[in-house]
N, C-alpha and C. Protein backbone atom coordinates (compact mmCIF):
# COMPACT_ATOMS: atom_id res chain seq x y z
N MET A 1 125.80 150.64 107.39
CA MET A 1 125.06 149.64 107.85
C MET A 1 124.07 148.69 107.74
N ARG A 2 122.75 149.84 107.01
CA ARG A 2 121.95 148.64 106.54
C ARG A 2 122.04 147.51 105.52
N VAL A 3 123.04 148.05 104.70
CA VAL A 3 124.28 146.95 103.85
C VAL A 3 124.77 145.63 104.62
N LEU A 4 125.63 146.27 105.99
CA LEU A 4 125.59 144.64 106.57
C LEU A 4 124.60 144.03 107.13
N ILE A 5 123.63 144.59 107.77
CA ILE A 5 122.03 144.56 108.43
C ILE A 5 121.77 143.28 107.00
N ILE A 6 121.21 143.51 105.84
CA ILE A 6 120.90 142.93 104.95
C ILE A 6 121.73 141.54 104.39
N PHE A 7 123.46 142.17 104.41
CA PHE A 7 123.90 141.07 104.39
C PHE A 7 123.60 139.68 105.09
N GLY A 8 123.68 140.34 106.39
CA GLY A 8 123.66 138.75 107.96
C GLY A 8 122.52 138.46 107.92
N ILE A 9 121.03 138.95 107.37
CA ILE A 9 120.11 138.45 107.11
C ILE A 9 119.84 137.51 105.79
N LEU A 10 120.57 137.65 104.39
CA LEU A 10 120.72 136.64 103.47
C LEU A 10 121.42 135.69 103.93
N LEU A 11 122.65 136.30 104.48
CA LEU A 11 123.27 135.13 104.77
C LEU A 11 122.75 133.56 106.13
N ALA A 12 122.05 134.55 106.41
CA ALA A 12 121.32 133.25 107.69
C ALA A 12 120.22 132.68 107.07
N SER A 13 119.44 132.90 106.40
CA SER A 13 118.71 132.75 105.80
C SER A 13 119.20 131.98 104.26
N ALA A 14 120.62 131.97 103.96
CA ALA A 14 120.95 130.88 102.98
C ALA A 14 121.77 129.52 104.03
N ILE A 15 122.00 129.89 105.24
CA ILE A 15 122.98 129.17 106.15
C ILE A 15 121.78 128.09 106.43
N TYR A 16 120.40 128.79 107.58
CA TYR A 16 119.38 127.94 108.03
C TYR A 16 118.82 126.69 107.49
N PRO A 17 118.71 126.84 106.20
CA PRO A 17 118.01 125.83 105.28
C PRO A 17 119.23 124.39 105.58
N LEU A 18 120.46 124.94 104.98
CA LEU A 18 121.43 124.24 105.12
C LEU A 18 121.45 123.00 106.74
N ALA A 19 121.42 123.54 107.53
CA ALA A 19 121.73 122.88 108.77
C ALA A 19 120.20 122.56 109.14
N ASN A 20 119.36 122.45 108.87
CA ASN A 20 117.76 121.95 108.91
C ASN A 20 117.79 120.76 107.96
N GLU A 21 118.57 120.97 106.77
CA GLU A 21 118.48 119.75 106.20
C GLU A 21 119.65 118.62 106.44
N GLN A 22 120.66 118.87 107.08
CA GLN A 22 121.62 118.13 107.46
C GLN A 22 121.82 117.90 108.74
N GLY A 23 120.32 118.21 109.47
CA GLY A 23 120.27 117.67 111.12
C GLY A 23 119.88 116.60 110.64
N VAL A 24 119.53 115.83 112.04
CA VAL A 24 118.92 114.93 112.19
C VAL A 24 117.37 115.38 112.51
N ALA A 25 116.52 114.26 112.37
CA ALA A 25 115.12 114.50 112.71
C ALA A 25 114.60 112.69 113.03
N TRP A 26 113.76 112.88 113.82
CA TRP A 26 112.78 111.42 114.17
C TRP A 26 112.26 111.45 113.35
N HIS A 27 112.35 110.54 112.79
CA HIS A 27 110.78 109.58 111.88
C HIS A 27 109.70 109.15 112.08
N ARG A 28 108.59 109.69 111.84
CA ARG A 28 107.62 109.43 112.17
C ARG A 28 106.69 108.85 111.56
N GLU A 29 106.26 107.40 111.62
CA GLU A 29 105.28 106.30 110.85
C GLU A 29 104.31 106.50 111.86
N GLU A 30 102.91 106.09 111.12
CA GLU A 30 101.71 105.85 111.40
C GLU A 30 101.33 104.27 111.55
N LYS A 31 101.16 103.48 112.47
CA LYS A 31 101.08 102.10 112.68
C LYS A 31 99.71 102.16 113.29
N SER A 32 99.47 100.44 113.07
CA SER A 32 98.21 99.83 113.46
C SER A 32 98.71 98.41 113.77
N ASP A 33 97.69 97.78 114.98
CA ASP A 33 98.08 96.57 115.32
C ASP A 33 97.03 95.89 115.58
N PRO A 34 96.33 95.22 114.27
CA PRO A 34 94.84 95.01 114.25
C PRO A 34 94.29 94.06 115.36
N LEU A 35 95.16 92.71 115.24
CA LEU A 35 95.08 92.25 116.41
C LEU A 35 94.32 93.16 117.98
N HIS A 36 95.23 93.72 118.77
CA HIS A 36 95.11 94.63 120.15
C HIS A 36 93.88 95.20 119.66
N LYS A 37 93.31 96.03 118.21
CA LYS A 37 92.72 96.97 118.17
C LYS A 37 93.64 98.43 118.49
N LEU A 38 95.09 98.57 117.93
CA LEU A 38 95.68 99.62 118.75
C LEU A 38 96.25 100.44 117.03
N ASN A 39 96.30 101.66 117.32
CA ASN A 39 96.45 102.31 116.74
C ASN A 39 98.15 103.62 117.21
N TYR A 40 99.09 103.49 116.48
CA TYR A 40 100.10 104.37 117.55
C TYR A 40 101.05 105.26 116.24
N THR A 41 101.71 106.26 116.85
CA THR A 41 102.75 106.25 115.75
C THR A 41 104.13 106.21 116.27
N GLN A 42 104.94 105.79 115.45
CA GLN A 42 106.17 105.04 116.20
C GLN A 42 107.18 106.23 115.17
N PHE A 43 108.29 106.72 116.41
CA PHE A 43 109.54 107.49 116.11
C PHE A 43 110.89 106.38 116.15
N ALA A 44 111.54 106.93 115.03
CA ALA A 44 112.67 106.13 114.90
C ALA A 44 113.72 107.00 114.88
N LEU A 45 114.82 107.15 115.76
CA LEU A 45 115.76 107.73 115.08
C LEU A 45 117.97 107.17 114.92
N GLU A 46 117.90 107.56 113.93
CA GLU A 46 119.41 106.70 113.69
C GLU A 46 120.46 107.30 113.84
N GLY A 47 121.55 106.22 114.28
CA GLY A 47 122.26 106.55 114.92
C GLY A 47 123.82 106.22 114.01
N LYS A 48 124.77 106.49 114.82
CA LYS A 48 126.11 105.79 114.36
C LYS A 48 126.62 105.07 115.25
N TYR A 49 127.50 103.89 114.20
CA TYR A 49 128.55 103.16 115.21
C TYR A 49 129.94 104.18 115.61
N LEU A 50 130.24 104.04 117.30
CA LEU A 50 131.89 104.48 117.50
C LEU A 50 132.58 102.82 117.86
N VAL A 51 132.00 102.14 118.29
CA VAL A 51 132.67 101.01 118.21
C VAL A 51 131.78 100.04 117.53
N SER A 52 131.97 99.20 116.47
CA SER A 52 130.61 98.55 115.43
C SER A 52 130.82 97.06 115.91
N PRO A 53 129.73 96.51 115.81
CA PRO A 53 129.35 95.15 116.15
C PRO A 53 130.76 94.00 115.26
N LYS A 54 130.96 93.20 115.50
CA LYS A 54 132.19 92.12 114.84
C LYS A 54 131.35 92.09 113.28
N HIS A 55 130.57 91.89 112.68
CA HIS A 55 130.09 91.59 111.41
C HIS A 55 130.33 92.72 110.37
N PRO A 56 130.98 92.67 109.36
CA PRO A 56 130.94 94.08 108.27
C PRO A 56 129.89 94.30 107.94
N ASP A 57 130.00 95.93 107.74
CA ASP A 57 128.92 96.52 107.61
C ASP A 57 127.37 95.93 108.18
N PRO A 58 127.52 96.34 109.53
CA PRO A 58 126.15 96.72 109.94
C PRO A 58 125.04 97.78 109.34
N THR A 59 124.08 97.39 109.55
CA THR A 59 122.82 98.46 109.59
C THR A 59 123.45 99.14 110.78
N PRO A 60 122.38 100.32 110.76
CA PRO A 60 122.56 101.78 111.83
C PRO A 60 121.87 101.57 112.78
N PRO A 61 122.42 101.70 113.70
CA PRO A 61 121.43 101.61 114.97
C PRO A 61 120.21 102.59 114.70
N LEU A 62 119.17 102.07 115.73
CA LEU A 62 118.28 103.24 115.71
C LEU A 62 117.47 102.76 117.28
N LEU A 63 116.66 104.12 117.53
CA LEU A 63 116.17 104.22 118.52
C LEU A 63 114.92 104.53 118.55
N VAL A 64 113.57 103.65 118.69
CA VAL A 64 112.98 103.61 118.73
C VAL A 64 111.53 103.69 119.49
N ALA A 65 110.51 104.28 119.55
CA ALA A 65 109.69 104.68 120.51
C ALA A 65 108.23 104.64 120.19
N ARG A 66 107.41 104.15 120.84
CA ARG A 66 106.17 103.71 119.66
C ARG A 66 104.94 104.35 121.21
N CYS A 67 104.18 105.17 120.37
CA CYS A 67 103.55 106.05 121.24
C CYS A 67 102.08 106.43 120.93
N LYS A 68 101.06 106.68 121.34
CA LYS A 68 99.61 106.96 121.25
C LYS A 68 99.17 108.20 121.95
N THR A 69 98.52 109.22 121.38
CA THR A 69 97.84 110.30 121.26
C THR A 69 96.74 109.47 122.81
N GLY A 70 96.66 110.57 123.52
CA GLY A 70 95.54 110.29 124.69
C GLY A 70 96.68 110.42 126.02
N GLY A 71 96.32 111.83 126.52
CA GLY A 71 97.27 111.31 127.70
C GLY A 71 96.51 111.36 128.89
N HIS A 72 97.03 112.11 129.83
CA HIS A 72 95.95 111.43 130.98
C HIS A 72 96.83 113.25 132.00
N ARG A 73 95.84 112.94 133.41
CA ARG A 73 96.49 114.23 134.11
C ARG A 73 97.35 113.85 134.54
N TYR A 74 98.20 114.30 134.69
CA TYR A 74 100.06 114.07 135.59
C TYR A 74 99.74 114.52 137.05
N SER A 75 99.33 116.23 136.86
CA SER A 75 99.30 116.57 138.75
C SER A 75 98.17 118.09 138.78
N ARG A 76 97.97 118.60 139.47
CA ARG A 76 97.02 119.64 139.62
C ARG A 76 97.39 120.25 138.50
N LYS A 77 98.70 120.87 138.06
CA LYS A 77 98.82 121.43 137.26
C LYS A 77 99.45 121.55 135.78
N GLY A 78 99.26 120.20 135.36
CA GLY A 78 100.02 119.30 134.02
C GLY A 78 98.91 118.40 134.12
N GLU A 79 99.46 118.18 132.42
CA GLU A 79 98.86 117.28 131.74
C GLU A 79 99.81 116.36 130.89
N LEU A 80 99.46 114.85 130.39
CA LEU A 80 100.47 114.84 129.37
C LEU A 80 99.87 114.43 128.18
N VAL A 81 99.94 114.90 127.14
CA VAL A 81 99.62 114.53 125.67
C VAL A 81 99.73 113.12 125.34
N GLY A 82 100.20 112.91 125.25
CA GLY A 82 100.39 111.33 124.74
C GLY A 82 100.89 110.56 125.84
N THR A 83 101.01 108.94 125.07
CA THR A 83 101.24 108.42 126.50
C THR A 83 102.31 106.93 125.56
N PHE A 84 103.24 107.12 126.39
CA PHE A 84 104.72 105.93 125.88
C PHE A 84 104.25 104.86 125.76
N LEU A 85 104.42 103.47 124.74
CA LEU A 85 104.11 102.51 125.29
C LEU A 85 105.35 101.35 125.38
N THR A 86 106.43 101.63 124.04
CA THR A 86 107.27 100.77 124.20
C THR A 86 108.51 102.16 123.70
N GLY A 87 109.86 101.55 123.91
CA GLY A 87 110.79 102.10 123.42
C GLY A 87 111.87 101.14 123.28
N TYR A 88 112.64 100.78 122.58
CA TYR A 88 113.74 100.28 121.96
C TYR A 88 115.13 100.13 121.22
N LEU A 89 115.63 99.91 121.93
CA LEU A 89 117.69 100.21 120.76
C LEU A 89 117.71 98.97 120.15
N VAL A 90 117.80 99.67 118.66
CA VAL A 90 118.10 98.26 117.88
C VAL A 90 119.94 97.94 117.36
N VAL A 91 120.59 97.13 117.31
CA VAL A 91 121.92 97.00 117.31
C VAL A 91 121.76 95.81 116.11
N ASP A 92 123.02 96.35 114.73
CA ASP A 92 122.55 94.60 114.05
C ASP A 92 123.66 93.77 114.60
N ALA A 93 123.41 93.24 115.61
CA ALA A 93 124.49 92.28 116.56
C ALA A 93 123.27 91.65 117.15
N VAL A 94 123.83 90.40 117.51
CA VAL A 94 123.20 89.85 118.89
C VAL A 94 123.80 90.28 120.66
N LEU A 95 123.03 90.74 121.55
CA LEU A 95 123.45 91.08 122.36
C LEU A 95 123.32 90.26 123.84
N ASP A 96 124.66 90.35 124.25
CA ASP A 96 124.46 89.42 125.16
C ASP A 96 123.81 89.84 126.98
N PHE A 97 122.80 89.17 127.07
CA PHE A 97 121.68 89.14 127.82
C PHE A 97 122.40 88.33 128.84
N ARG A 98 121.30 88.18 130.41
CA ARG A 98 121.55 87.23 131.39
C ARG A 98 120.20 87.47 131.64
N GLN A 99 118.80 86.04 131.88
CA GLN A 99 117.41 86.60 132.55
C GLN A 99 117.24 87.26 132.01
N GLY A 100 117.16 87.52 130.56
CA GLY A 100 116.09 88.68 130.23
C GLY A 100 117.13 90.34 129.96
N SER A 101 118.06 91.10 131.01
CA SER A 101 118.45 91.69 130.90
C SER A 101 119.81 92.33 130.00
N VAL A 102 119.37 93.20 129.83
CA VAL A 102 120.72 94.27 129.11
C VAL A 102 121.76 95.06 129.77
N PRO A 103 122.46 94.90 130.29
CA PRO A 103 123.71 95.91 131.07
C PRO A 103 123.80 97.09 129.73
N VAL A 104 123.72 98.30 130.17
CA VAL A 104 123.40 99.55 129.58
C VAL A 104 124.24 100.52 129.94
N GLU A 105 125.44 101.12 129.61
CA GLU A 105 125.91 102.09 129.83
C GLU A 105 125.93 103.29 128.89
N PHE A 106 125.17 104.76 129.75
CA PHE A 106 125.39 105.83 128.97
C PHE A 106 125.75 107.30 129.31
N ARG A 107 126.07 107.70 128.16
CA ARG A 107 126.42 108.92 129.02
C ARG A 107 125.60 110.44 128.04
N LEU A 108 124.75 110.90 128.64
CA LEU A 108 124.31 112.13 128.08
C LEU A 108 124.87 113.63 128.07
N ASP A 109 124.91 114.01 126.96
CA ASP A 109 125.48 115.52 126.14
C ASP A 109 127.27 115.48 127.22
N ASP A 110 127.83 114.43 126.82
CA ASP A 110 129.41 114.63 127.51
C ASP A 110 129.66 114.19 129.25
N GLY A 111 127.91 114.41 130.14
CA GLY A 111 127.91 114.31 131.16
C GLY A 111 128.35 112.85 131.96
N LYS A 112 128.12 112.71 133.30
CA LYS A 112 128.77 111.41 133.20
C LYS A 112 128.06 110.40 133.41
N LEU A 113 128.86 108.86 132.84
CA LEU A 113 129.16 107.57 132.76
C LEU A 113 127.99 107.17 133.66
N GLN A 114 126.57 106.53 133.40
CA GLN A 114 125.71 106.13 133.87
C GLN A 114 125.11 105.05 133.71
N ARG A 115 124.72 103.98 134.41
CA ARG A 115 124.53 102.28 134.26
C ARG A 115 123.41 101.86 134.49
N THR A 116 122.57 101.03 134.10
CA THR A 116 121.29 100.58 134.17
C THR A 116 121.35 99.16 133.45
N THR A 117 120.31 98.78 133.34
CA THR A 117 119.55 97.68 132.60
C THR A 117 118.30 97.48 131.69
N TRP A 118 118.23 97.06 130.66
CA TRP A 118 116.54 97.37 129.86
C TRP A 118 116.67 95.94 129.71
N SER A 119 115.60 95.55 129.51
CA SER A 119 115.28 93.86 128.92
C SER A 119 115.40 94.25 127.83
N SER A 120 115.99 92.48 127.29
CA SER A 120 116.27 92.27 126.20
C SER A 120 115.13 91.53 125.43
N SER A 121 115.50 91.70 123.84
CA SER A 121 114.21 91.56 123.00
C SER A 121 114.36 89.91 123.00
N THR A 122 113.32 89.65 122.10
CA THR A 122 113.43 87.70 122.31
C THR A 122 114.14 87.40 121.39
N ASP A 123 114.90 88.24 120.51
CA ASP A 123 115.97 87.56 119.37
C ASP A 123 117.30 87.79 120.32
N GLY A 124 117.37 88.90 121.14
CA GLY A 124 118.54 89.44 121.34
C GLY A 124 119.37 90.60 120.54
N SER A 125 118.50 91.26 119.65
CA SER A 125 118.97 92.14 118.81
C SER A 125 118.57 93.46 119.36
N GLY A 126 118.17 93.78 120.53
CA GLY A 126 117.27 95.23 120.93
C GLY A 126 117.87 94.84 121.97
N ALA A 127 117.37 96.28 122.76
CA ALA A 127 116.93 96.10 124.54
C ALA A 127 115.90 97.44 124.72
N PHE A 128 114.72 96.67 124.97
CA PHE A 128 113.76 97.86 125.75
C PHE A 128 113.97 98.58 126.89
N PHE A 129 113.43 99.90 126.44
CA PHE A 129 113.70 100.79 128.08
C PHE A 129 112.49 101.20 128.45
N SER A 130 112.46 102.02 128.85
CA SER A 130 110.97 102.00 129.88
C SER A 130 110.52 103.56 130.15
N THR A 131 109.38 104.16 129.87
CA THR A 131 109.21 105.61 129.67
C THR A 131 110.41 107.22 130.72
N ALA A 132 110.46 106.06 132.21
CA ALA A 132 111.31 106.80 132.77
C ALA A 132 113.08 106.66 132.35
N ASP A 133 113.24 105.81 130.86
CA ASP A 133 115.19 106.14 130.58
C ASP A 133 114.25 106.83 129.51
N PHE A 134 113.12 106.85 128.74
CA PHE A 134 112.87 107.93 127.62
C PHE A 134 112.87 108.66 127.80
N ASP A 135 112.41 109.34 129.44
CA ASP A 135 112.60 111.14 129.88
C ASP A 135 113.97 111.11 129.87
N ASN A 136 114.89 110.37 130.62
CA ASN A 136 115.74 110.44 130.83
C ASN A 136 116.80 110.66 129.53
N LEU A 137 116.53 110.04 128.29
CA LEU A 137 117.73 110.24 127.30
C LEU A 137 117.24 111.52 126.32
N LEU A 138 115.87 112.14 126.81
CA LEU A 138 115.50 113.37 126.32
C LEU A 138 115.54 114.55 126.83
N TYR A 139 115.74 114.33 128.15
CA TYR A 139 115.69 115.70 129.09
C TYR A 139 116.68 115.37 129.98
N GLY A 140 117.23 114.37 130.11
CA GLY A 140 118.67 114.01 131.85
C GLY A 140 117.59 113.90 132.75
N HIS A 141 116.76 113.33 132.63
CA HIS A 141 116.07 113.45 134.13
C HIS A 141 114.49 112.00 134.00
N LEU A 142 114.16 111.28 135.02
CA LEU A 142 113.59 110.35 135.07
C LEU A 142 111.76 110.90 134.62
N LEU A 143 111.82 112.08 135.02
CA LEU A 143 109.96 112.02 135.33
C LEU A 143 110.15 113.16 133.89
N PRO A 144 108.63 113.00 133.23
CA PRO A 144 108.28 114.09 132.23
C PRO A 144 108.99 115.96 132.96
N HIS A 145 109.08 115.89 131.72
CA HIS A 145 109.50 117.40 131.45
C HIS A 145 108.86 118.45 131.56
N LYS A 146 108.87 119.53 132.07
CA LYS A 146 108.23 120.55 132.85
C LYS A 146 108.76 121.54 131.98
N PRO A 147 107.77 122.45 131.57
CA PRO A 147 108.42 123.51 130.76
C PRO A 147 108.87 124.48 131.50
N ASN A 148 109.76 125.46 130.56
CA ASN A 148 110.93 126.36 131.29
C ASN A 148 112.01 125.84 132.58
N THR A 149 112.51 124.41 132.27
CA THR A 149 112.84 123.79 132.82
C THR A 149 114.57 124.08 132.14
N ASN A 150 115.28 122.33 132.59
CA ASN A 150 116.50 121.93 131.87
C ASN A 150 116.16 122.28 130.73
N PRO A 151 117.87 122.21 129.58
CA PRO A 151 117.09 121.77 128.11
C PRO A 151 117.20 120.39 127.59
N PRO A 152 117.30 120.03 126.27
CA PRO A 152 116.79 118.57 126.40
C PRO A 152 118.41 118.18 126.09
N VAL A 153 118.75 117.02 126.03
CA VAL A 153 119.43 116.77 126.06
C VAL A 153 120.18 116.46 124.11
N ARG A 154 121.54 116.46 123.93
CA ARG A 154 121.99 116.99 122.31
C ARG A 154 122.27 115.64 121.99
N LYS A 155 123.08 114.84 122.84
CA LYS A 155 123.76 113.51 122.20
C LYS A 155 123.69 112.87 123.64
N VAL A 156 123.53 111.22 123.07
CA VAL A 156 123.49 110.11 123.92
C VAL A 156 124.40 109.25 123.14
N ILE A 157 125.62 108.89 124.09
CA ILE A 157 126.34 107.55 123.59
C ILE A 157 126.01 106.20 124.48
N LEU A 158 125.64 105.31 123.82
CA LEU A 158 125.10 104.01 124.69
C LEU A 158 125.98 103.15 124.25
N GLY A 159 126.44 101.79 125.41
CA GLY A 159 127.46 101.23 125.04
C GLY A 159 126.37 99.74 125.97
N VAL A 160 126.10 98.76 124.51
CA VAL A 160 125.82 97.21 125.11
C VAL A 160 127.01 96.49 124.47
N PRO A 161 126.51 95.47 125.54
CA PRO A 161 127.82 94.10 125.59
C PRO A 161 127.26 93.08 124.27
N GLU A 162 128.05 92.76 122.89
CA GLU A 162 127.63 91.67 122.08
C GLU A 162 127.90 90.67 122.36
N TYR A 163 126.98 89.95 122.43
CA TYR A 163 127.67 88.09 122.42
C TYR A 163 128.42 88.17 121.88
N LEU A 164 129.78 87.12 122.84
CA LEU A 164 130.98 86.67 122.16
C LEU A 164 131.67 87.83 121.26
N GLY A 165 131.44 89.03 122.03
CA GLY A 165 132.54 89.96 121.38
C GLY A 165 132.46 91.16 122.34
N ALA A 166 133.00 92.35 121.77
CA ALA A 166 133.08 93.51 122.95
C ALA A 166 132.35 94.35 122.81
N GLU A 167 132.22 95.57 123.72
CA GLU A 167 131.17 96.55 123.91
C GLU A 167 130.73 97.25 122.19
N ILE A 168 129.39 97.33 122.13
CA ILE A 168 129.23 97.96 121.00
C ILE A 168 128.68 99.69 121.67
N GLU A 169 129.28 100.37 120.78
CA GLU A 169 128.98 101.65 121.53
C GLU A 169 128.33 102.40 120.19
N VAL A 170 127.21 103.29 120.13
CA VAL A 170 126.80 104.31 119.35
C VAL A 170 126.73 105.18 120.16
N GLU A 171 126.16 106.13 119.05
CA GLU A 171 126.28 107.35 119.38
C GLU A 171 124.99 108.35 118.55
N PHE A 172 123.96 108.88 119.23
CA PHE A 172 122.67 109.72 118.74
C PHE A 172 122.56 110.78 119.12
N GLU A 173 122.96 111.91 118.07
CA GLU A 173 122.71 113.56 117.78
C GLU A 173 120.97 113.33 118.33
N MET A 174 120.91 113.90 119.14
CA MET A 174 119.56 114.18 119.56
C MET A 174 118.63 115.38 119.28
N PRO A 175 117.18 115.47 118.30
CA PRO A 175 116.95 116.22 117.68
C PRO A 175 116.24 117.41 118.55
N GLU A 176 115.32 117.81 118.16
CA GLU A 176 114.65 119.05 118.88
C GLU A 176 113.44 117.90 119.38
N PRO A 177 113.23 117.76 120.80
CA PRO A 177 112.22 116.50 121.23
C PRO A 177 110.60 117.47 121.03
N GLY A 178 110.42 118.19 120.84
CA GLY A 178 108.85 118.46 120.65
C GLY A 178 107.73 117.64 120.59
N GLU A 179 107.85 116.96 119.55
CA GLU A 179 107.20 116.46 118.81
C GLU A 179 106.87 114.92 119.72
N VAL A 180 108.14 114.29 119.90
CA VAL A 180 108.38 112.83 120.22
C VAL A 180 107.87 113.10 121.61
N ALA A 181 108.62 114.08 122.70
CA ALA A 181 108.37 114.25 123.75
C ALA A 181 106.60 114.44 124.00
N ASP A 182 105.84 115.31 122.83
CA ASP A 182 104.66 115.95 123.72
C ASP A 182 103.71 114.45 123.45
N LEU A 183 104.05 113.81 122.15
CA LEU A 183 102.74 112.53 121.64
C LEU A 183 103.55 111.07 122.54
N CYS A 184 104.80 111.50 123.69
CA CYS A 184 105.75 110.23 124.21
C CYS A 184 104.84 110.26 125.70
N GLY A 185 103.92 111.17 125.78
CA GLY A 185 104.03 111.79 127.36
C GLY A 185 105.16 112.32 128.03
N ALA A 186 106.34 112.74 127.60
CA ALA A 186 107.48 112.73 127.71
C ALA A 186 107.71 114.46 128.36
N ALA A 187 106.45 115.12 128.40
CA ALA A 187 106.60 116.37 128.56
C ALA A 187 105.35 116.95 129.25
N ILE A 188 105.06 117.57 130.29
CA ILE A 188 104.13 118.20 130.49
C ILE A 188 103.74 119.50 130.24
N HIS A 189 103.10 119.72 129.75
CA HIS A 189 101.97 120.72 129.15
C HIS A 189 100.85 121.71 130.46
N GLU A 190 101.19 122.75 131.12
CA GLU A 190 100.78 123.11 132.24
C GLU A 190 99.20 123.58 131.65
N ARG A 191 97.87 123.68 132.89
CA ARG A 191 96.89 123.86 132.52
C ARG A 191 96.50 125.23 132.59
């Protein structure tokens, strides 16, 4: 019996580091904006194309969130540690947008298809999402996450229209949101 337990521990310790090394993670980078005297943290998550843009060898899609430390009180019982500044989806193509909006379709963890609109970037290569959209992508609801409620989202599939092309579809494996959720104000901390 003892041999089986030791073997199980050794096997788990050998497999666990491989899972972490192969797993996805938010890439964190500290940035500054001297013009606006703003220091912030940028988180980027690389995805993959399910339906690629029409040109060959596109760069991988990215979900990007810019956040800063310094929260505020959310309710009598909780507070937010950080603040979401802006977030956007980048694809290696020009998106089809009308009057500054990009239609977006998405599915969270193989759930039902949802539709919304995000603001287009000035060059049309990306779409900006709101803090409520970011909360939804991380936890599947439009408000900051309360501790010990529903689990985080594990997979996001997004569809955006390419200008003079088909719909681009991208998939993001969502890592544990802990640090991103904290610094971006997507998780409530009880007082």
